[in-house]
Amino acid sequence: QMQLVESGGGLVQAGGSLRLSCAASGRTFSSSAMGWFRQAPGKEREFVAAITQSGAGTDYADSVKGRFTISRDNAKNTVYLQMSSLKPEDTAVYYCAARSRYYSTSTTSKAYDYWGQGTQVTVSL
């Protein structure tokens, strides 16, 4: 069992930066690939970024590549999403997800079996 708690969301102007954190409880964090997804009002949940269990491998959606960076600290059971050059279209609820018992990443939400409650990110003009 794993519980995930996101933090760091908020309101920021376009061009600004935010860092999201996701704190995990449970013993399986260091053996789990982790991902970030987002869902804007009226839209499907979409993949943002993912990282392998070791942190050596990452994957990004084309829409955030070069602007967002995913990282993890297995000693702190925490995964991060550094977001820069934010745009109004980045406005969404951001969710942290764990792919327990799998080291590799996935861009598909169904591949993840634990989810956080989400944190709101709002980017204004």
N, C-alpha and C. Protein backbone atom coordinates (compact mmCIF):
# COMPACT_ATOMS: atom_id res chain seq x y z
N GLN A 1 0.85 -1.19 0.00
CA GLN A 1 0.00 0.00 0.00
C GLN A 1 0.89 1.25 0.00
N MET A 2 0.46 2.26 -0.71
CA MET A 2 1.22 3.50 -0.77
C MET A 2 0.25 4.67 -0.76
N GLN A 3 0.60 5.69 0.00
CA GLN A 3 -0.18 6.93 -0.01
C GLN A 3 0.68 8.05 -0.57
N LEU A 4 0.07 8.88 -1.40
CA LEU A 4 0.78 9.96 -2.06
C LEU A 4 0.11 11.29 -1.72
N VAL A 5 0.92 12.28 -1.35
CA VAL A 5 0.39 13.59 -1.01
C VAL A 5 1.16 14.65 -1.77
N GLU A 6 0.44 15.37 -2.65
CA GLU A 6 1.06 16.42 -3.44
C GLU A 6 1.01 17.76 -2.70
N SER A 7 1.95 18.61 -3.02
CA SER A 7 1.97 19.97 -2.49
C SER A 7 2.70 20.87 -3.47
N GLY A 8 2.57 22.17 -3.27
CA GLY A 8 3.33 23.12 -4.08
C GLY A 8 2.54 23.82 -5.17
N GLY A 9 1.28 23.44 -5.34
CA GLY A 9 0.48 24.11 -6.34
C GLY A 9 0.13 25.52 -5.92
N GLY A 10 -0.44 26.28 -6.86
CA GLY A 10 -0.85 27.64 -6.54
C GLY A 10 -1.11 28.45 -7.79
N LEU A 11 -1.17 29.76 -7.59
CA LEU A 11 -1.43 30.70 -8.67
C LEU A 11 -0.12 31.37 -9.06
N VAL A 12 0.18 31.39 -10.35
CA VAL A 12 1.42 31.99 -10.83
C VAL A 12 1.14 32.68 -12.16
N GLN A 13 1.89 33.72 -12.44
CA GLN A 13 1.75 34.42 -13.71
C GLN A 13 2.45 33.65 -14.83
N ALA A 14 1.97 33.85 -16.02
CA ALA A 14 2.61 33.23 -17.18
C ALA A 14 4.09 33.60 -17.22
N GLY A 15 4.90 32.59 -17.52
CA GLY A 15 6.35 32.78 -17.52
C GLY A 15 7.01 32.44 -16.20
N GLY A 16 6.21 32.26 -15.18
CA GLY A 16 6.73 31.95 -13.86
C GLY A 16 7.04 30.49 -13.66
N SER A 17 7.41 30.16 -12.42
CA SER A 17 7.82 28.80 -12.08
C SER A 17 7.13 28.32 -10.81
N LEU A 18 6.97 27.02 -10.73
CA LEU A 18 6.48 26.36 -9.52
C LEU A 18 7.19 25.02 -9.40
N ARG A 19 7.33 24.55 -8.17
CA ARG A 19 7.84 23.20 -7.96
C ARG A 19 6.81 22.41 -7.16
N LEU A 20 6.35 21.35 -7.76
CA LEU A 20 5.43 20.44 -7.07
C LEU A 20 6.23 19.34 -6.39
N SER A 21 5.73 18.93 -5.23
CA SER A 21 6.32 17.81 -4.51
C SER A 21 5.26 16.75 -4.28
N CYS A 22 5.69 15.53 -4.20
CA CYS A 22 4.79 14.41 -3.90
C CYS A 22 5.50 13.52 -2.89
N ALA A 23 4.97 13.51 -1.68
CA ALA A 23 5.54 12.71 -0.61
C ALA A 23 4.82 11.37 -0.55
N ALA A 24 5.59 10.30 -0.52
CA ALA A 24 5.02 8.96 -0.52
C ALA A 24 5.27 8.27 0.81
N SER A 25 4.28 7.53 1.24
CA SER A 25 4.45 6.68 2.42
C SER A 25 4.42 5.23 1.96
N GLY A 26 5.07 4.37 2.69
CA GLY A 26 5.11 2.98 2.29
C GLY A 26 6.51 2.57 1.88
N ARG A 27 6.74 1.29 1.87
CA ARG A 27 8.08 0.78 1.64
C ARG A 27 8.42 0.58 0.18
N THR A 28 7.45 0.77 -0.72
CA THR A 28 7.69 0.42 -2.11
C THR A 28 8.08 1.60 -2.98
N PHE A 29 8.25 2.79 -2.39
CA PHE A 29 8.53 3.96 -3.22
C PHE A 29 9.79 3.76 -4.04
N SER A 30 10.86 3.30 -3.41
CA SER A 30 12.14 3.20 -4.10
C SER A 30 12.16 2.12 -5.18
N SER A 31 11.14 1.29 -5.24
CA SER A 31 11.05 0.27 -6.29
C SER A 31 9.93 0.57 -7.27
N SER A 32 9.43 1.79 -7.23
CA SER A 32 8.31 2.18 -8.07
C SER A 32 8.69 3.29 -9.04
N ALA A 33 8.30 3.14 -10.29
CA ALA A 33 8.36 4.28 -11.20
C ALA A 33 7.27 5.26 -10.78
N MET A 34 7.52 6.54 -11.01
CA MET A 34 6.58 7.58 -10.60
C MET A 34 6.21 8.46 -11.78
N GLY A 35 5.01 9.01 -11.72
CA GLY A 35 4.58 9.87 -12.81
C GLY A 35 3.78 11.05 -12.31
N TRP A 36 3.70 12.05 -13.17
CA TRP A 36 2.82 13.20 -12.95
C TRP A 36 1.84 13.26 -14.12
N PHE A 37 0.58 13.47 -13.78
CA PHE A 37 -0.48 13.65 -14.76
C PHE A 37 -1.20 14.94 -14.42
N ARG A 38 -2.00 15.44 -15.34
CA ARG A 38 -2.79 16.64 -15.06
C ARG A 38 -4.14 16.53 -15.75
N GLN A 39 -5.10 17.25 -15.18
CA GLN A 39 -6.44 17.27 -15.75
C GLN A 39 -7.00 18.67 -15.66
N ALA A 40 -7.29 19.24 -16.81
CA ALA A 40 -7.90 20.55 -16.89
C ALA A 40 -9.42 20.38 -16.94
N PRO A 41 -10.17 21.40 -16.55
CA PRO A 41 -11.64 21.29 -16.56
C PRO A 41 -12.17 20.89 -17.94
N GLY A 42 -13.01 19.88 -17.96
CA GLY A 42 -13.63 19.45 -19.20
C GLY A 42 -12.73 18.64 -20.10
N LYS A 43 -11.54 18.29 -19.62
CA LYS A 43 -10.60 17.54 -20.45
C LYS A 43 -10.23 16.22 -19.77
N GLU A 44 -9.70 15.31 -20.58
CA GLU A 44 -9.22 14.04 -20.05
C GLU A 44 -7.92 14.24 -19.27
N ARG A 45 -7.68 13.33 -18.35
CA ARG A 45 -6.40 13.36 -17.63
C ARG A 45 -5.29 13.02 -18.63
N GLU A 46 -4.20 13.77 -18.57
CA GLU A 46 -3.13 13.55 -19.53
C GLU A 46 -1.78 13.40 -18.84
N PHE A 47 -0.92 12.65 -19.49
CA PHE A 47 0.43 12.42 -19.00
C PHE A 47 1.26 13.69 -19.10
N VAL A 48 2.08 13.91 -18.06
CA VAL A 48 2.99 15.06 -18.04
C VAL A 48 4.44 14.59 -18.05
N ALA A 49 4.80 13.77 -17.07
CA ALA A 49 6.20 13.33 -16.95
C ALA A 49 6.25 12.07 -16.11
N ALA A 50 7.34 11.31 -16.28
CA ALA A 50 7.53 10.12 -15.47
C ALA A 50 9.02 9.87 -15.28
N ILE A 51 9.33 9.10 -14.23
CA ILE A 51 10.72 8.83 -13.89
C ILE A 51 10.85 7.39 -13.42
N THR A 52 11.94 6.74 -13.79
CA THR A 52 12.16 5.37 -13.39
C THR A 52 12.46 5.29 -11.90
N GLN A 53 12.47 4.07 -11.36
CA GLN A 53 12.64 3.92 -9.92
C GLN A 53 14.00 4.43 -9.45
N SER A 54 15.00 4.35 -10.29
CA SER A 54 16.33 4.83 -9.91
C SER A 54 16.52 6.31 -10.17
N GLY A 55 15.66 6.88 -11.00
CA GLY A 55 15.82 8.27 -11.40
C GLY A 55 16.67 8.45 -12.64
N ALA A 56 17.19 7.35 -13.16
CA ALA A 56 18.10 7.45 -14.31
C ALA A 56 17.37 7.75 -15.61
N GLY A 57 16.11 7.37 -15.68
CA GLY A 57 15.35 7.55 -16.89
C GLY A 57 14.14 8.43 -16.68
N THR A 58 13.87 9.32 -17.63
CA THR A 58 12.71 10.21 -17.55
C THR A 58 11.99 10.23 -18.90
N ASP A 59 10.74 10.66 -18.83
CA ASP A 59 9.92 10.76 -20.04
C ASP A 59 9.01 11.97 -19.86
N TYR A 60 8.78 12.70 -20.95
CA TYR A 60 7.97 13.91 -20.88
C TYR A 60 6.98 13.97 -22.03
N ALA A 61 5.84 14.60 -21.75
CA ALA A 61 4.91 14.94 -22.82
C ALA A 61 5.56 16.03 -23.68
N ASP A 62 5.27 16.00 -24.96
CA ASP A 62 5.85 17.00 -25.86
C ASP A 62 5.50 18.42 -25.42
N SER A 63 4.33 18.59 -24.85
CA SER A 63 3.86 19.93 -24.49
C SER A 63 4.66 20.55 -23.34
N VAL A 64 5.39 19.74 -22.58
CA VAL A 64 6.14 20.28 -21.44
C VAL A 64 7.64 20.07 -21.59
N LYS A 65 8.06 19.37 -22.62
CA LYS A 65 9.48 19.06 -22.81
C LYS A 65 10.28 20.36 -22.90
N GLY A 66 11.36 20.44 -22.15
CA GLY A 66 12.20 21.63 -22.12
C GLY A 66 11.76 22.67 -21.11
N ARG A 67 10.57 22.50 -20.54
CA ARG A 67 10.08 23.46 -19.54
C ARG A 67 9.92 22.82 -18.16
N PHE A 68 9.57 21.54 -18.14
CA PHE A 68 9.36 20.83 -16.87
C PHE A 68 10.47 19.82 -16.65
N THR A 69 10.80 19.58 -15.38
CA THR A 69 11.80 18.58 -15.02
C THR A 69 11.29 17.75 -13.86
N ILE A 70 11.29 16.44 -14.06
CA ILE A 70 10.89 15.53 -12.99
C ILE A 70 12.15 14.98 -12.34
N SER A 71 12.10 14.82 -11.02
CA SER A 71 13.22 14.26 -10.28
C SER A 71 12.69 13.55 -9.05
N ARG A 72 13.55 12.80 -8.39
CA ARG A 72 13.12 12.09 -7.19
C ARG A 72 14.27 11.98 -6.21
N ASP A 73 13.89 11.84 -4.94
CA ASP A 73 14.84 11.62 -3.86
C ASP A 73 14.34 10.40 -3.11
N ASN A 74 14.95 9.26 -3.38
CA ASN A 74 14.46 8.02 -2.75
C ASN A 74 14.70 8.00 -1.25
N ALA A 75 15.69 8.74 -0.79
CA ALA A 75 15.94 8.81 0.65
C ALA A 75 14.83 9.55 1.38
N LYS A 76 14.16 10.45 0.65
CA LYS A 76 13.07 11.25 1.23
C LYS A 76 11.70 10.77 0.78
N ASN A 77 11.67 9.70 -0.01
CA ASN A 77 10.39 9.19 -0.54
C ASN A 77 9.58 10.30 -1.22
N THR A 78 10.25 11.09 -2.03
CA THR A 78 9.60 12.25 -2.63
C THR A 78 9.97 12.35 -4.11
N VAL A 79 8.97 12.71 -4.91
CA VAL A 79 9.19 13.00 -6.32
C VAL A 79 8.79 14.46 -6.56
N TYR A 80 9.50 15.11 -7.45
CA TYR A 80 9.30 16.53 -7.71
C TYR A 80 8.96 16.78 -9.17
N LEU A 81 8.28 17.90 -9.39
CA LEU A 81 8.07 18.37 -10.74
C LEU A 81 8.38 19.86 -10.75
N GLN A 82 9.52 20.21 -11.33
CA GLN A 82 9.90 21.60 -11.47
C GLN A 82 9.30 22.12 -12.77
N MET A 83 8.48 23.16 -12.66
CA MET A 83 7.79 23.70 -13.82
C MET A 83 8.26 25.13 -14.06
N SER A 84 8.74 25.39 -15.25
CA SER A 84 9.23 26.71 -15.61
C SER A 84 8.55 27.19 -16.89
N SER A 85 8.68 28.48 -17.15
CA SER A 85 8.06 29.07 -18.35
C SER A 85 6.60 28.64 -18.46
N LEU A 86 5.89 28.77 -17.37
CA LEU A 86 4.51 28.29 -17.34
C LEU A 86 3.61 29.10 -18.26
N LYS A 87 2.63 28.40 -18.82
CA LYS A 87 1.69 28.99 -19.76
C LYS A 87 0.27 28.81 -19.21
N PRO A 88 -0.66 29.66 -19.63
CA PRO A 88 -2.05 29.48 -19.16
C PRO A 88 -2.59 28.09 -19.47
N GLU A 89 -2.16 27.48 -20.54
CA GLU A 89 -2.63 26.13 -20.88
C GLU A 89 -2.07 25.04 -19.97
N ASP A 90 -1.16 25.40 -19.08
CA ASP A 90 -0.69 24.46 -18.06
C ASP A 90 -1.63 24.40 -16.86
N THR A 91 -2.63 25.27 -16.84
CA THR A 91 -3.58 25.29 -15.73
C THR A 91 -4.33 23.96 -15.66
N ALA A 92 -4.28 23.33 -14.49
CA ALA A 92 -4.90 22.01 -14.31
C ALA A 92 -4.70 21.57 -12.86
N VAL A 93 -5.38 20.50 -12.52
CA VAL A 93 -5.06 19.79 -11.28
C VAL A 93 -3.97 18.77 -11.63
N TYR A 94 -2.90 18.81 -10.88
CA TYR A 94 -1.76 17.93 -11.13
C TYR A 94 -1.77 16.78 -10.12
N TYR A 95 -1.63 15.57 -10.65
CA TYR A 95 -1.67 14.36 -9.83
C TYR A 95 -0.34 13.62 -9.90
N CYS A 96 0.07 13.15 -8.75
CA CYS A 96 1.22 12.27 -8.64
C CYS A 96 0.72 10.82 -8.66
N ALA A 97 1.47 9.94 -9.30
CA ALA A 97 1.04 8.55 -9.40
C ALA A 97 2.25 7.62 -9.26
N ALA A 98 1.99 6.44 -8.71
CA ALA A 98 3.05 5.44 -8.52
C ALA A 98 2.73 4.18 -9.30
N ARG A 99 3.77 3.66 -9.94
CA ARG A 99 3.65 2.40 -10.68
C ARG A 99 4.43 1.36 -9.88
N SER A 100 3.75 0.84 -8.87
CA SER A 100 4.44 -0.02 -7.91
C SER A 100 4.91 -1.32 -8.57
N ARG A 101 6.04 -1.78 -8.16
CA ARG A 101 6.67 -3.03 -8.61
C ARG A 101 7.18 -2.96 -10.03
N TYR A 102 7.14 -1.78 -10.63
CA TYR A 102 7.68 -1.61 -11.97
C TYR A 102 8.76 -0.53 -11.95
N TYR A 103 9.88 -0.83 -12.55
CA TYR A 103 10.96 0.15 -12.59
C TYR A 103 10.80 1.12 -13.76
N SER A 104 10.14 0.67 -14.83
CA SER A 104 10.07 1.47 -16.04
C SER A 104 8.88 2.42 -16.00
N THR A 105 8.96 3.47 -16.80
CA THR A 105 7.90 4.47 -16.85
C THR A 105 6.80 4.06 -17.82
N SER A 106 5.70 4.75 -17.73
CA SER A 106 4.60 4.58 -18.68
C SER A 106 3.90 5.91 -18.83
N THR A 107 3.36 6.15 -20.03
CA THR A 107 2.61 7.38 -20.26
C THR A 107 1.12 7.16 -20.10
N THR A 108 0.73 5.96 -19.75
CA THR A 108 -0.68 5.59 -19.65
C THR A 108 -1.12 5.59 -18.19
N SER A 109 -2.20 6.28 -17.90
CA SER A 109 -2.66 6.39 -16.51
C SER A 109 -3.04 5.03 -15.93
N LYS A 110 -3.51 4.12 -16.77
CA LYS A 110 -3.93 2.82 -16.26
C LYS A 110 -2.76 1.98 -15.76
N ALA A 111 -1.56 2.37 -16.13
CA ALA A 111 -0.36 1.63 -15.69
C ALA A 111 0.02 1.98 -14.25
N TYR A 112 -0.61 2.99 -13.68
CA TYR A 112 -0.27 3.45 -12.34
C TYR A 112 -1.35 3.01 -11.36
N ASP A 113 -0.96 2.50 -10.21
CA ASP A 113 -1.95 1.94 -9.30
C ASP A 113 -2.17 2.73 -8.02
N TYR A 114 -1.35 3.74 -7.77
CA TYR A 114 -1.60 4.62 -6.63
C TYR A 114 -1.59 6.07 -7.11
N TRP A 115 -2.52 6.86 -6.54
CA TRP A 115 -2.69 8.24 -6.96
C TRP A 115 -2.81 9.15 -5.74
N GLY A 116 -2.31 10.37 -5.89
CA GLY A 116 -2.53 11.38 -4.89
C GLY A 116 -3.87 12.07 -5.11
N GLN A 117 -4.16 13.03 -4.24
CA GLN A 117 -5.45 13.72 -4.31
C GLN A 117 -5.42 14.89 -5.29
N GLY A 118 -4.24 15.29 -5.71
CA GLY A 118 -4.11 16.36 -6.68
C GLY A 118 -3.83 17.71 -6.05
N THR A 119 -3.16 18.57 -6.80
CA THR A 119 -2.90 19.95 -6.37
C THR A 119 -3.16 20.87 -7.55
N GLN A 120 -3.84 21.98 -7.28
CA GLN A 120 -4.26 22.89 -8.35
C GLN A 120 -3.11 23.81 -8.74
N VAL A 121 -2.89 23.92 -10.03
CA VAL A 121 -1.95 24.88 -10.59
C VAL A 121 -2.74 25.79 -11.53
N THR A 122 -2.66 27.08 -11.27
CA THR A 122 -3.36 28.06 -12.10
C THR A 122 -2.35 29.07 -12.62
N VAL A 123 -2.31 29.21 -13.94
CA VAL A 123 -1.38 30.14 -14.57
C VAL A 123 -2.19 31.26 -15.22
N SER A 124 -1.95 32.49 -14.77
CA SER A 124 -2.70 33.63 -15.28
C SER A 124 -1.88 34.39 -16.29
N LEU A 125 -2.57 35.15 -17.13
CA LEU A 125 -1.88 35.95 -18.15
C LEU A 125 -1.19 37.13 -17.51
